[in-house]
PDB file of N, CA and C in Angstrom:
ATOM      1  N   MET A   1     -49.420  63.897  11.424  1.00  0.00           N
ATOM      2  CA  MET A   1     -49.415  64.720  13.064  1.00  0.00           C
ATOM      3  C   MET A   1     -50.846  64.659  13.465  1.00  0.00           C
ATOM      4  N   ARG A   2     -50.874  64.201  14.496  1.00  0.00           N
ATOM      5  CA  ARG A   2     -52.448  64.101  15.152  1.00  0.00           C
ATOM      6  C   ARG A   2     -52.411  65.359  15.630  1.00  0.00           C
ATOM      7  N   GLY A   3     -53.405  66.331  15.311  1.00  0.00           N
ATOM      8  CA  GLY A   3     -53.883  67.641  15.631  1.00  0.00           C
ATOM      9  C   GLY A   3     -53.548  68.696  14.482  1.00  0.00           C
ATOM     10  N   TYR A   4     -53.163  68.533  13.847  1.00  0.00           N
ATOM     11  CA  TYR A   4     -52.506  69.200  12.743  1.00  0.00           C
ATOM     12  C   TYR A   4     -53.744  69.014  11.535  1.00  0.00           C
ATOM     13  N   ALA A   5     -54.331  70.312  11.331  1.00  0.00           N
ATOM     14  CA  ALA A   5     -54.707  70.292   9.790  1.00  0.00           C
ATOM     15  C   ALA A   5     -54.280  71.222   8.795  1.00  0.00           C
ATOM     16  N   VAL A   6     -53.883  71.024   7.411  1.00  0.00           N
ATOM     17  CA  VAL A   6     -53.525  72.245   6.999  1.00  0.00           C
ATOM     18  C   VAL A   6     -54.903  73.057   6.381  1.00  0.00           C
ATOM     19  N   GLU A   7     -55.890  72.542   6.223  1.00  0.00           N
ATOM     20  CA  GLU A   7     -56.799  73.021   5.614  1.00  0.00           C
ATOM     21  C   GLU A   7     -57.479  74.285   6.194  1.00  0.00           C
ATOM     22  N   PRO A   8     -57.411  74.342   7.477  1.00  0.00           N
ATOM     23  CA  PRO A   8     -58.098  75.561   8.053  1.00  0.00           C
ATOM     24  C   PRO A   8     -57.146  76.519   7.903  1.00  0.00           C
ATOM     25  N   ARG A   9     -55.605  76.442   7.726  1.00  0.00           N
ATOM     26  CA  ARG A   9     -54.711  77.522   8.061  1.00  0.00           C
ATOM     27  C   ARG A   9     -54.870  77.991   6.575  1.00  0.00           C
ATOM     28  N   LEU A  10     -54.992  76.942   5.436  1.00  0.00           N
ATOM     29  CA  LEU A  10     -54.496  77.937   3.944  1.00  0.00           C
ATOM     30  C   LEU A  10     -55.503  79.113   3.424  1.00  0.00           C
ATOM     31  N   PRO A  11     -57.184  79.809   4.541  1.00  0.00           N
ATOM     32  CA  PRO A  11     -56.957  81.140   4.274  1.00  0.00           C
ATOM     33  C   PRO A  11     -55.957  82.371   4.751  1.00  0.00           C
ATOM     34  N   LYS A  12     -55.144  81.808   5.728  1.00  0.00           N
ATOM     35  CA  LYS A  12     -54.186  82.729   6.125  1.00  0.00           C
ATOM     36  C   LYS A  12     -53.151  82.881   5.388  1.00  0.00           C
ATOM     37  N   ILE A  13     -53.180  82.141   4.022  1.00  0.00           N
ATOM     38  CA  ILE A  13     -52.044  82.725   3.310  1.00  0.00           C
ATOM     39  C   ILE A  13     -52.621  83.669   2.221  1.00  0.00           C
ATOM     40  N   THR A  14     -51.696  84.697   2.487  1.00  0.00           N
ATOM     41  CA  THR A  14     -52.327  85.987   1.608  1.00  0.00           C
ATOM     42  C   THR A  14     -51.259  85.974   0.157  1.00  0.00           C
ATOM     43  N   ALA A  15     -50.085  85.292   0.315  1.00  0.00           N
ATOM     44  CA  ALA A  15     -48.857  85.771  -0.837  1.00  0.00           C
ATOM     45  C   ALA A  15     -49.117  85.038  -1.842  1.00  0.00           C
ATOM     46  N   ARG A  16     -48.912  85.420  -3.193  1.00  0.00           N
ATOM     47  CA  ARG A  16     -49.234  85.004  -4.497  1.00  0.00           C
ATOM     48  C   ARG A  16     -48.561  83.581  -4.469  1.00  0.00           C
ATOM     49  N   THR A  17     -49.106  82.272  -4.986  1.00  0.00           N
ATOM     50  CA  THR A  17     -48.853  80.827  -4.737  1.00  0.00           C
ATOM     51  C   THR A  17     -49.202  79.908  -6.042  1.00  0.00           C
ATOM     52  N   LEU A  18     -48.361  79.602  -6.253  1.00  0.00           N
ATOM     53  CA  LEU A  18     -48.564  78.206  -7.459  1.00  0.00           C
ATOM     54  C   LEU A  18     -48.168  77.116  -6.676  1.00  0.00           C
ATOM     55  N   ALA A  19     -49.023  76.101  -7.071  1.00  0.00           N
ATOM     56  CA  ALA A  19     -49.225  74.737  -6.519  1.00  0.00           C
ATOM     57  C   ALA A  19     -48.698  73.686  -7.484  1.00  0.00           C
ATOM     58  N   VAL A  20     -47.728  72.776  -7.340  1.00  0.00           N
ATOM     59  CA  VAL A  20     -46.945  72.336  -8.746  1.00  0.00           C
ATOM     60  C   VAL A  20     -46.755  70.952  -7.693  1.00  0.00           C
ATOM     61  N   ARG A  21     -47.085  69.677  -8.778  1.00  0.00           N
ATOM     62  CA  ARG A  21     -47.184  69.055  -8.000  1.00  0.00           C
ATOM     63  C   ARG A  21     -46.680  67.243  -9.530  1.00  0.00           C
ATOM     64  N   ALA A  22     -46.334  66.447  -8.985  1.00  0.00           N
ATOM     65  CA  ALA A  22     -45.676  65.406  -9.857  1.00  0.00           C
ATOM     66  C   ALA A  22     -47.126  64.777 -10.395  1.00  0.00           C
ATOM     67  N   PRO A  23     -47.018  64.005 -11.522  1.00  0.00           N
ATOM     68  CA  PRO A  23     -48.377  63.086 -11.514  1.00  0.00           C
ATOM     69  C   PRO A  23     -47.779  61.929 -10.562  1.00  0.00           C
ATOM     70  N   ASP A  24     -47.113  61.090 -10.374  1.00  0.00           N
ATOM     71  CA  ASP A  24     -46.787  60.207  -9.380  1.00  0.00           C
ATOM     72  C   ASP A  24     -46.545  60.384  -7.830  1.00  0.00           C
ATOM     73  N   ASP A  25     -47.010  61.849  -7.559  1.00  0.00           N
ATOM     74  CA  ASP A  25     -46.434  61.852  -6.371  1.00  0.00           C
ATOM     75  C   ASP A  25     -48.112  61.514  -5.192  1.00  0.00           C
ATOM     76  N   ARG A  26     -47.965  60.597  -5.175  1.00  0.00           N
ATOM     77  CA  ARG A  26     -49.771  60.070  -4.603  1.00  0.00           C
ATOM     78  C   ARG A  26     -50.000  60.670  -3.135  1.00  0.00           C
ATOM     79  N   PHE A  27     -49.409  61.214  -2.918  1.00  0.00           N
ATOM     80  CA  PHE A  27     -49.457  62.254  -1.501  1.00  0.00           C
ATOM     81  C   PHE A  27     -50.134  63.585  -1.484  1.00  0.00           C
ATOM     82  N   SER A  28     -49.949  64.292  -2.807  1.00  0.00           N
ATOM     83  CA  SER A  28     -50.608  65.667  -3.244  1.00  0.00           C
ATOM     84  C   SER A  28     -51.616  65.419  -4.194  1.00  0.00           C
ATOM     85  N   ARG A  29     -51.242  64.463  -4.730  1.00  0.00           N
ATOM     86  CA  ARG A  29     -52.392  64.287  -5.879  1.00  0.00           C
ATOM     87  C   ARG A  29     -53.930  64.206  -5.246  1.00  0.00           C
ATOM     88  N   PRO A  30     -54.300  63.666  -4.482  1.00  0.00           N
ATOM     89  CA  PRO A  30     -55.881  63.844  -3.715  1.00  0.00           C
ATOM     90  C   PRO A  30     -56.260  65.030  -3.754  1.00  0.00           C
ATOM     91  N   SER A  31     -55.105  66.364  -3.452  1.00  0.00           N
ATOM     92  CA  SER A  31     -55.147  67.574  -2.387  1.00  0.00           C
ATOM     93  C   SER A  31     -55.419  68.749  -3.134  1.00  0.00           C
ATOM     94  N   LEU A  32     -54.154  68.534  -4.654  1.00  0.00           N
ATOM     95  CA  LEU A  32     -53.702  69.346  -5.187  1.00  0.00           C
ATOM     96  C   LEU A  32     -55.002  70.500  -5.815  1.00  0.00           C
ATOM     97  N   ALA A  33     -55.747  69.850  -5.968  1.00  0.00           N
ATOM     98  CA  ALA A  33     -57.373  70.953  -6.506  1.00  0.00           C
ATOM     99  C   ALA A  33     -57.909  71.590  -5.438  1.00  0.00           C
ATOM    100  N   LYS A  34     -58.081  70.774  -4.276  1.00  0.00           N
ATOM    101  CA  LYS A  34     -58.831  71.705  -3.048  1.00  0.00           C
ATOM    102  C   LYS A  34     -57.972  72.528  -2.575  1.00  0.00           C
ATOM    103  N   PHE A  35     -56.428  72.289  -2.292  1.00  0.00           N
ATOM    104  CA  PHE A  35     -55.697  73.317  -1.903  1.00  0.00           C
ATOM    105  C   PHE A  35     -55.302  74.347  -2.460  1.00  0.00           C
ATOM    106  N   ALA A  36     -55.415  74.138  -4.168  1.00  0.00           N
ATOM    107  CA  ALA A  36     -55.267  75.397  -5.146  1.00  0.00           C
ATOM    108  C   ALA A  36     -56.715  76.236  -5.200  1.00  0.00           C
ATOM    109  N   ALA A  37     -57.716  75.674  -4.792  1.00  0.00           N
ATOM    110  CA  ALA A  37     -59.069  76.281  -5.000  1.00  0.00           C
ATOM    111  C   ALA A  37     -58.846  76.921  -3.732  1.00  0.00           C
ATOM    112  N   ALA A  38     -58.837  76.198  -2.223  1.00  0.00           N
ATOM    113  CA  ALA A  38     -58.929  77.155  -1.152  1.00  0.00           C
ATOM    114  C   ALA A  38     -57.826  78.639  -1.361  1.00  0.00           C
ATOM    115  N   LEU A  39     -56.315  78.770  -1.575  1.00  0.00           N
ATOM    116  CA  LEU A  39     -55.932  79.645  -2.299  1.00  0.00           C
ATOM    117  C   LEU A  39     -56.128  80.143  -3.216  1.00  0.00           C
ATOM    118  N   GLY A  40     -56.833  79.920  -3.853  1.00  0.00           N
ATOM    119  CA  GLY A  40     -57.049  80.939  -5.263  1.00  0.00           C
ATOM    120  C   GLY A  40     -55.912  80.835  -5.886  1.00  0.00           C
ATOM    121  N   CYS A  41     -55.441  79.634  -6.209  1.00  0.00           N
ATOM    122  CA  CYS A  41     -54.175  79.613  -7.268  1.00  0.00           C
ATOM    123  C   CYS A  41     -53.995  78.917  -8.402  1.00  0.00           C
ATOM    124  N   THR A  42     -52.952  79.337  -8.338  1.00  0.00           N
ATOM    125  CA  THR A  42     -52.796  78.235 -10.256  1.00  0.00           C
ATOM    126  C   THR A  42     -52.072  77.078  -9.772  1.00  0.00           C
ATOM    127  N   ALA A  43     -52.643  75.839 -10.253  1.00  0.00           N
ATOM    128  CA  ALA A  43     -51.915  74.488 -10.277  1.00  0.00           C
ATOM    129  C   ALA A  43     -51.539  73.852 -11.432  1.00  0.00           C
ATOM    130  N   ARG A  44     -50.354  73.535 -11.118  1.00  0.00           N
ATOM    131  CA  ARG A  44     -49.079  72.581 -12.526  1.00  0.00           C
ATOM    132  C   ARG A  44     -49.596  71.320 -12.225  1.00  0.00           C
ATOM    133  N   VAL A  45     -49.558  70.029 -13.318  1.00  0.00           N
ATOM    134  CA  VAL A  45     -48.573  69.280 -12.845  1.00  0.00           C
ATOM    135  C   VAL A  45     -48.136  68.724 -14.148  1.00  0.00           C
ATOM    136  N   LEU A  46     -46.577  68.683 -13.595  1.00  0.00           N
ATOM    137  CA  LEU A  46     -45.625  68.148 -13.997  1.00  0.00           C
ATOM    138  C   LEU A  46     -45.533  66.965 -15.108  1.00  0.00           C
ATOM    139  N   SER A  47     -44.662  66.687 -16.178  1.00  0.00           N
ATOM    140  CA  SER A  47     -44.781  65.760 -17.062  1.00  0.00           C
ATOM    141  C   SER A  47     -44.748  64.099 -16.218  1.00  0.00           C
ATOM    142  N   ASP A  48     -43.668  64.314 -15.113  1.00  0.00           N
ATOM    143  CA  ASP A  48     -43.012  63.065 -14.910  1.00  0.00           C
ATOM    144  C   ASP A  48     -42.642  63.540 -13.693  1.00  0.00           C
ATOM    145  N   GLY A  49     -42.265  62.484 -12.771  1.00  0.00           N
ATOM    146  CA  GLY A  49     -41.899  62.236 -11.388  1.00  0.00           C
ATOM    147  C   GLY A  49     -42.857  61.676 -10.438  1.00  0.00           C
ATOM    148  N   HIS A  50     -42.484  61.876  -9.039  1.00  0.00           N
ATOM    149  CA  HIS A  50     -42.985  61.650  -8.336  1.00  0.00           C
ATOM    150  C   HIS A  50     -42.841  62.494  -6.806  1.00  0.00           C
ATOM    151  N   VAL A  51     -42.306  62.915  -5.811  1.00  0.00           N
ATOM    152  CA  VAL A  51     -42.138  63.209  -4.239  1.00  0.00           C
ATOM    153  C   VAL A  51     -40.705  64.334  -4.499  1.00  0.00           C
ATOM    154  N   ALA A  52     -40.103  63.584  -5.065  1.00  0.00           N
ATOM    155  CA  ALA A  52     -38.950  64.854  -5.350  1.00  0.00           C
ATOM    156  C   ALA A  52     -38.938  65.003  -6.585  1.00  0.00           C
ATOM    157  N   ALA A  53     -39.819  65.819  -7.641  1.00  0.00           N
ATOM    158  CA  ALA A  53     -40.038  66.245  -8.930  1.00  0.00           C
ATOM    159  C   ALA A  53     -38.923  67.107  -9.149  1.00  0.00           C
ATOM    160  N   PRO A  54     -38.854  68.176  -7.664  1.00  0.00           N
ATOM    161  CA  PRO A  54     -37.584  69.059  -8.679  1.00  0.00           C
ATOM    162  C   PRO A  54     -36.268  68.552  -9.103  1.00  0.00           C
ATOM    163  N   GLU A  55     -36.017  67.130  -8.045  1.00  0.00           N
ATOM    164  CA  GLU A  55     -34.712  67.039  -8.746  1.00  0.00           C
ATOM    165  C   GLU A  55     -34.633  65.935  -9.334  1.00  0.00           C
ATOM    166  N   GLN A  56     -35.779  65.297 -10.436  1.00  0.00           N
ATOM    167  CA  GLN A  56     -36.400  64.310 -11.007  1.00  0.00           C
ATOM    168  C   GLN A  56     -36.407  65.038 -12.315  1.00  0.00           C
ATOM    169  N   VAL A  57     -37.110  66.246 -12.382  1.00  0.00           N
ATOM    170  CA  VAL A  57     -37.340  66.628 -13.832  1.00  0.00           C
ATOM    171  C   VAL A  57     -37.320  68.516 -13.371  1.00  0.00           C
ATOM    172  N   PRO A  58     -35.727  68.535 -13.121  1.00  0.00           N
ATOM    173  CA  PRO A  58     -35.286  70.070 -12.468  1.00  0.00           C
ATOM    174  C   PRO A  58     -35.472  71.031 -13.896  1.00  0.00           C
ATOM    175  N   ARG A  59     -35.532  70.856 -15.003  1.00  0.00           N
ATOM    176  CA  ARG A  59     -35.208  72.018 -15.619  1.00  0.00           C
ATOM    177  C   ARG A  59     -37.330  72.340 -16.232  1.00  0.00           C
ATOM    178  N   GLU A  60     -37.812  71.138 -16.078  1.00  0.00           N
ATOM    179  CA  GLU A  60     -39.159  71.499 -16.333  1.00  0.00           C
ATOM    180  C   GLU A  60     -39.731  71.942 -15.224  1.00  0.00           C
ATOM    181  N   PHE A  61     -39.615  71.866 -13.550  1.00  0.00           N
ATOM    182  CA  PHE A  61     -40.204  72.650 -12.797  1.00  0.00           C
ATOM    183  C   PHE A  61     -39.483  73.931 -12.899  1.00  0.00           C
ATOM    184  N   ALA A  62     -38.175  74.388 -12.793  1.00  0.00           N
ATOM    185  CA  ALA A  62     -37.513  75.300 -13.047  1.00  0.00           C
ATOM    186  C   ALA A  62     -38.549  75.749 -13.981  1.00  0.00           C
ATOM    187  N   ASP A  63     -38.692  75.625 -15.435  1.00  0.00           N
ATOM    188  CA  ASP A  63     -39.254  76.502 -16.375  1.00  0.00           C
ATOM    189  C   ASP A  63     -40.854  76.778 -15.767  1.00  0.00           C
ATOM    190  N   VAL A  64     -41.491  76.249 -14.798  1.00  0.00           N
ATOM    191  CA  VAL A  64     -42.743  76.284 -14.505  1.00  0.00           C
ATOM    192  C   VAL A  64     -42.779  77.459 -13.526  1.00  0.00           C
ATOM    193  N   VAL A  65     -42.208  77.491 -12.853  1.00  0.00           N
ATOM    194  CA  VAL A  65     -41.738  78.170 -11.801  1.00  0.00           C
ATOM    195  C   VAL A  65     -41.201  79.365 -12.229  1.00  0.00           C
ATOM    196  N   VAL A  66     -40.264  79.361 -13.023  1.00  0.00           N
ATOM    197  CA  VAL A  66     -40.174  80.930 -13.659  1.00  0.00           C
ATOM    198  C   VAL A  66     -41.137  81.917 -14.683  1.00  0.00           C
ATOM    199  N   GLU A  67     -42.198  80.674 -15.339  1.00  0.00           N
ATOM    200  CA  GLU A  67     -42.900  81.531 -16.045  1.00  0.00           C
ATOM    201  C   GLU A  67     -44.089  82.014 -14.919  1.00  0.00           C
ATOM    202  N   TRP A  68     -44.094  81.279 -13.875  1.00  0.00           N
ATOM    203  CA  TRP A  68     -45.114  81.727 -12.886  1.00  0.00           C
ATOM    204  C   TRP A  68     -44.985  82.941 -12.402  1.00  0.00           C
ATOM    205  N   ALA A  69     -43.503  83.116 -11.953  1.00  0.00           N
ATOM    206  CA  ALA A  69     -42.931  84.320 -11.254  1.00  0.00           C
ATOM    207  C   ALA A  69     -43.091  85.396 -12.508  1.00  0.00           C
ATOM    208  N   GLY A  70     -43.199  85.305 -13.889  1.00  0.00           N
ATOM    209  CA  GLY A  70     -43.035  86.198 -14.669  1.00  0.00           C
ATOM    210  C   GLY A  70     -44.454  87.029 -14.945  1.00  0.00           C
ATOM    211  N   ARG A  71     -45.776  86.275 -14.210  1.00  0.00           N
ATOM    212  CA  ARG A  71     -46.972  86.786 -14.418  1.00  0.00           C
ATOM    213  C   ARG A  71     -46.817  87.910 -13.016  1.00  0.00           C
ATOM    214  N   ASP A  72     -47.934  88.903 -13.712  1.00  0.00           N
ATOM    215  CA  ASP A  72     -48.245  89.645 -12.910  1.00  0.00           C
ATOM    216  C   ASP A  72     -49.468  89.769 -11.482  1.00  0.00           C
TER     217      ASP A  72
END
């Protein structure tokens, strides 16, 4: 999208956040560490999949989210 930048908006996110990507997701690969650092959040890389990782490795994705959600 022209004129739409995510980075300047990241500091406005104040909710506890988890960044998850699949190893073959070429769209989020270069940005995950930068976004996680800007959000001050945990970042996890799943063992398999690409953009549709929740559909490709649903159990692992769910386990990662449930583990993260259980933290204070």
